[in-house]
Amino acid sequence: MNNLIALSICLLLSAVSPNQASQDLSGRKIVVDPGHGGNNPGAVGPTGLKESDANWRVAEGLKYYLETRGNAKVLMTRPANQDASLSSRTAKANSWGAERFISVHHNAASNPNWNGVETYSAPNASWASRDLRNKIQDRLAGGLGTGDLGAKTANFYVLRNTNMPAVLVEAGFVTNRYQEARLKDPEYNWKEAWYIYAGIADHYNVKP
């Protein structure tokens, strides 16, 4: 089923950015970090959706696009139903010699109406980190239409302890009932994954 979803998203969105170069991401080593997991669900939606489950589905879709569309090498930081310490996540990325680190999350707020996309880099991030952050933010905010909360900085552990350009994506609010319903839909999860992938491709100046 996932491959069918991926194919349908590709057919709908592959015409984006036709003027970009046609080379791919062959040889690029990219870490995909699905936030939380196992006994650490992260945020929980009004009808019980665990952020960790949405994070995993989006990360799985992102891995698929990076490998099949971009020919990149991908390392996931945790298995589907387990958590992993923050230190183990960054250690995996550093020891593997990753070129980029993408941490996938979904947000929470006390206001149930709040929604939107925001993408983070570290406060002292390199130009490459900031460019990756900006490109992913532009793709997600423009594609999902849930609100653009901006490209931001934060001193998150996974951003300050990685040796490569790193970003953390908050692709929507599970505490928003409407967004929670969308995040339960695998096709929507893969749509998020596509826009994150497209932002990575933009960062490398290749066609998604």
Protein backbone atom coordinates (compact mmCIF):
# COMPACT_ATOMS: atom_id res chain seq x y z
CA MET A 1 0.00 0.00 0.00
CA ASN A 2 2.80 2.42 0.83
CA ASN A 3 4.28 2.07 -2.67
CA LEU A 4 0.90 2.87 -4.22
CA ILE A 5 0.59 5.96 -2.04
CA ALA A 6 4.11 7.03 -2.95
CA LEU A 7 3.44 6.54 -6.64
CA SER A 8 0.27 8.61 -6.53
CA ILE A 9 2.03 11.45 -4.70
CA CYS A 10 4.89 11.35 -7.19
CA LEU A 11 2.52 11.57 -10.14
CA LEU A 12 0.75 14.54 -8.59
CA LEU A 13 3.86 16.44 -7.55
CA SER A 14 6.73 15.43 -9.83
CA ALA A 15 6.18 18.41 -12.13
CA VAL A 16 7.29 20.79 -9.36
CA SER A 17 10.41 22.88 -10.12
CA PRO A 18 10.90 21.79 -13.74
CA ASN A 19 13.83 24.17 -14.24
CA GLN A 20 16.08 22.52 -11.69
CA ALA A 21 19.03 20.39 -12.72
CA SER A 22 18.28 16.73 -13.37
CA GLN A 23 21.09 15.09 -11.37
CA ASP A 24 20.12 13.00 -8.35
CA LEU A 25 21.34 12.50 -4.78
CA SER A 26 23.47 9.43 -5.50
CA GLY A 27 26.01 8.80 -2.78
CA ARG A 28 24.50 11.31 -0.36
CA LYS A 29 24.27 9.89 3.18
CA ILE A 30 21.19 11.28 4.89
CA VAL A 31 19.92 10.42 8.37
CA VAL A 32 16.16 10.43 8.94
CA ASP A 33 15.27 10.74 12.63
CA PRO A 34 11.65 9.88 13.53
CA GLY A 35 11.02 11.69 16.82
CA HIS A 36 9.98 9.82 19.98
CA GLY A 37 8.71 6.20 19.78
CA GLY A 38 7.91 3.23 22.03
CA ASN A 39 6.99 4.36 25.54
CA ASN A 40 7.70 7.96 24.56
CA PRO A 41 4.73 8.98 22.38
CA GLY A 42 5.53 12.69 22.22
CA ALA A 43 2.45 14.85 21.82
CA VAL A 44 -0.97 13.14 21.86
CA GLY A 45 -3.93 14.41 19.85
CA PRO A 46 -7.49 14.99 21.12
CA THR A 47 -8.62 11.56 19.89
CA GLY A 48 -5.43 9.76 20.89
CA LEU A 49 -3.08 10.00 17.91
CA LYS A 50 0.50 9.58 19.10
CA GLU A 51 2.97 11.99 17.58
CA SER A 52 5.51 9.16 17.43
CA ASP A 53 3.27 7.18 15.06
CA ALA A 54 2.81 10.13 12.70
CA ASN A 55 6.53 10.85 12.88
CA TRP A 56 7.33 7.28 11.88
CA ARG A 57 4.99 7.22 8.89
CA VAL A 58 6.35 10.51 7.55
CA ALA A 59 9.93 9.36 8.14
CA GLU A 60 9.22 6.08 6.36
CA GLY A 61 7.85 7.99 3.38
CA LEU A 62 10.85 10.32 3.39
CA LYS A 63 13.22 7.36 3.40
CA TYR A 64 11.36 5.89 0.43
CA TYR A 65 11.58 9.09 -1.61
CA LEU A 66 15.23 9.69 -0.78
CA GLU A 67 16.17 6.14 -1.81
CA THR A 68 13.91 5.55 -4.81
CA ARG A 69 13.64 9.05 -6.27
CA GLY A 70 16.98 10.45 -5.16
CA ASN A 71 19.19 7.35 -5.00
CA ALA A 72 20.48 8.55 -1.63
CA LYS A 73 21.69 6.35 1.22
CA VAL A 74 19.42 6.62 4.27
CA LEU A 75 19.90 5.67 7.92
CA MET A 76 16.93 5.67 10.32
CA THR A 77 17.72 6.43 13.95
CA ARG A 78 15.16 4.09 15.51
CA PRO A 79 12.98 1.06 14.68
CA ALA A 80 9.25 1.50 14.08
CA ASN A 81 7.93 0.75 17.57
CA GLN A 82 10.85 1.73 19.76
CA ASP A 83 12.30 4.89 21.24
CA ALA A 84 15.98 5.76 21.14
CA SER A 85 17.95 8.13 23.33
CA LEU A 86 18.89 11.47 21.85
CA SER A 87 22.55 10.64 22.35
CA SER A 88 22.22 7.37 20.43
CA ARG A 89 20.49 9.16 17.56
CA THR A 90 23.25 11.71 17.15
CA ALA A 91 25.97 9.12 17.73
CA LYS A 92 24.57 6.99 14.89
CA ALA A 93 24.60 9.96 12.55
CA ASN A 94 28.11 11.04 13.52
CA SER A 95 29.67 7.56 13.36
CA TRP A 96 28.03 6.86 9.98
CA GLY A 97 29.53 10.03 8.54
CA ALA A 98 26.15 11.41 7.48
CA GLU A 99 25.99 14.50 5.28
CA ARG A 100 22.60 15.72 6.53
CA PHE A 101 20.34 15.00 9.52
CA ILE A 102 16.55 15.45 9.29
CA SER A 103 14.55 15.06 12.51
CA VAL A 104 10.81 14.58 11.92
CA HIS A 105 8.35 15.83 14.54
CA HIS A 106 4.82 17.18 14.97
CA ASN A 107 3.95 19.94 17.38
CA ALA A 108 1.58 20.61 20.30
CA ALA A 109 -0.03 23.72 21.75
CA SER A 110 -2.41 24.60 24.58
CA ASN A 111 -4.58 26.41 22.02
CA PRO A 112 -6.41 23.64 20.11
CA ASN A 113 -6.87 25.91 17.09
CA TRP A 114 -3.15 26.48 16.56
CA ASN A 115 -1.63 24.88 13.51
CA GLY A 116 1.17 25.40 11.01
CA VAL A 117 4.66 24.34 9.97
CA GLU A 118 7.99 25.40 11.47
CA THR A 119 11.49 24.14 10.80
CA TYR A 120 14.49 24.61 13.08
CA SER A 121 18.25 24.79 12.88
CA ALA A 122 20.67 25.42 15.75
CA PRO A 123 21.29 29.06 16.78
CA ASN A 124 24.91 28.84 15.60
CA ALA A 125 24.08 26.73 12.55
CA SER A 126 26.17 26.72 9.40
CA TRP A 127 24.99 28.26 6.17
CA ALA A 128 24.19 24.75 4.90
CA SER A 129 21.96 24.04 7.91
CA ARG A 130 20.10 27.30 7.48
CA ASP A 131 19.67 26.75 3.76
CA LEU A 132 18.36 23.21 4.31
CA ARG A 133 15.97 24.53 6.97
CA ASN A 134 14.69 27.30 4.72
CA LYS A 135 14.21 25.05 1.70
CA ILE A 136 12.24 22.45 3.67
CA GLN A 137 10.15 25.12 5.37
CA ASP A 138 9.27 26.73 2.04
CA ARG A 139 8.20 23.43 0.50
CA LEU A 140 6.14 22.28 3.48
CA ALA A 141 4.42 25.60 4.14
CA GLY A 142 3.69 26.16 0.47
CA GLY A 143 2.52 22.63 -0.18
CA LEU A 144 0.45 21.78 2.89
CA GLY A 145 -1.35 25.10 3.30
CA THR A 146 -1.64 24.74 7.08
CA GLY A 147 0.15 27.98 7.96
CA ASP A 148 3.73 29.17 7.77
CA LEU A 149 5.14 29.66 11.28
CA GLY A 150 8.58 30.31 9.88
CA ALA A 151 12.14 29.02 9.82
CA LYS A 152 13.50 29.27 13.37
CA THR A 153 16.42 28.43 15.63
CA ALA A 154 16.45 26.34 18.80
CA ASN A 155 19.07 24.65 20.94
CA PHE A 156 17.61 21.14 20.53
CA TYR A 157 19.94 18.29 21.48
CA VAL A 158 19.91 16.66 18.04
CA LEU A 159 20.78 19.97 16.40
CA ARG A 160 23.68 20.90 18.64
CA ASN A 161 25.27 17.43 18.86
CA THR A 162 25.41 16.45 15.20
CA ASN A 163 28.57 16.98 13.17
CA MET A 164 26.69 17.61 9.93
CA PRO A 165 24.06 20.18 8.86
CA ALA A 166 20.91 19.28 10.78
CA VAL A 167 17.30 20.44 10.96
CA LEU A 168 14.23 19.55 13.00
CA VAL A 169 10.85 19.72 11.27
CA GLU A 170 7.58 20.39 13.13
CA ALA A 171 5.17 19.59 10.29
CA GLY A 172 1.86 20.36 12.02
CA PHE A 173 0.07 20.26 15.38
CA VAL A 174 -1.38 16.98 16.60
CA THR A 175 -3.33 18.95 19.20
CA ASN A 176 -5.37 20.56 16.42
CA ARG A 177 -8.36 18.26 15.82
CA TYR A 178 -8.45 18.94 12.08
CA GLN A 179 -4.72 18.36 11.70
CA GLU A 180 -4.87 15.23 13.84
CA ALA A 181 -7.47 13.77 11.46
CA ARG A 182 -5.20 14.52 8.50
CA LEU A 183 -2.21 12.96 10.24
CA LYS A 184 -4.12 9.70 10.65
CA ASP A 185 -4.31 9.43 6.85
CA PRO A 186 -1.26 7.59 5.39
CA GLU A 187 -1.62 9.47 2.11
CA TYR A 188 -1.28 12.78 3.95
CA ASN A 189 1.75 11.46 5.84
CA TRP A 190 3.40 10.63 2.53
CA LYS A 191 2.48 14.06 1.19
CA GLU A 192 4.38 15.62 4.09
CA ALA A 193 7.27 13.29 3.32
CA TRP A 194 7.27 14.38 -0.31
CA TYR A 195 7.57 18.07 0.57
CA ILE A 196 10.40 17.40 3.01
CA TYR A 197 12.15 15.41 0.29
CA ALA A 198 11.52 18.20 -2.23
CA GLY A 199 13.10 20.69 0.19
CA ILE A 200 16.18 18.48 0.51
CA ALA A 201 16.37 18.25 -3.29
CA ASP A 202 16.09 22.04 -3.55
CA HIS A 203 18.92 22.35 -1.03
CA TYR A 204 21.13 20.20 -3.29
CA ASN A 205 19.83 21.98 -6.41
CA VAL A 206 18.44 18.80 -7.95
CA LYS A 207 15.00 18.05 -9.33
CA PRO A 208 12.69 16.18 -6.88
